[in-house]
């Protein structure tokens, strides 16, 4: 079942992202994990082929063990941080499955975001936390693991050249254009009345785009009337506008 995340960007663009499901995220991780294992294997081969195996003793064994631990830690955590910075929120596994990591605001992740979510990844795979971490992802509405919660990030399916909708796009969907004249008049003109009336009549048929239309119409009329957007129910606000201008509908 597809799960849509509605995001309003700092540029006031409303974008619908499809959240990455548990199956696709696991498969992407499996691909990345195989690449990591192969990389670690190659480095170990290089270490032993460089002549370390010729030396004996507890000191050199401890050195090799410590070096191995550092290599595994750096590759396990640095792999995701490196590629998510290089490939704009994607790792090789995520790119193959068309997934990407973004902030909950819709913005690209920063180095700090990537580092935080991936260093905490270690907790997800500790024996005592593995089951809890898995359950958190299953029951979280945005499929977040612990690292995502800490970094305030989500994993989504990458948009394929989709143009984000703007206010003009939305109002064009009603086959008419609304332009604000910037004055503080409460009555609406005929076009505004018809757009709002049509929206209220059809809003339950709009599906996932209902919230998108609501957001822009609410912002438009608050701007028109020089009002601050507060916690008032937008549909009550729309009904008040229609009621006060009901003569236009006759």
Foldseek 3Di string as FASTA:
>chain_A
DWDWQWAQAPVRFIDIFTFDDPVLVVQLVVVLVVVLVVVLVVVVVVVVVVPLVVDDDPVSVVVVVVVSVVSSVCSQQVQQLVCCVVVQQDHVSCVVSQKGKDASNRHTDDSVLSNQLRVCVVQCPDPVNVVVQCVCLVPPSQSDGPSCVVSRMGMTRHDDPDDTDDLQNVLCVVVDGDDAPQDQDLADDLSLLVSLVVCVVCLVVPPPCSVVNLVSNQVVNCRNNVHDDDDDDSVVVSVVNCVVHVVSVD
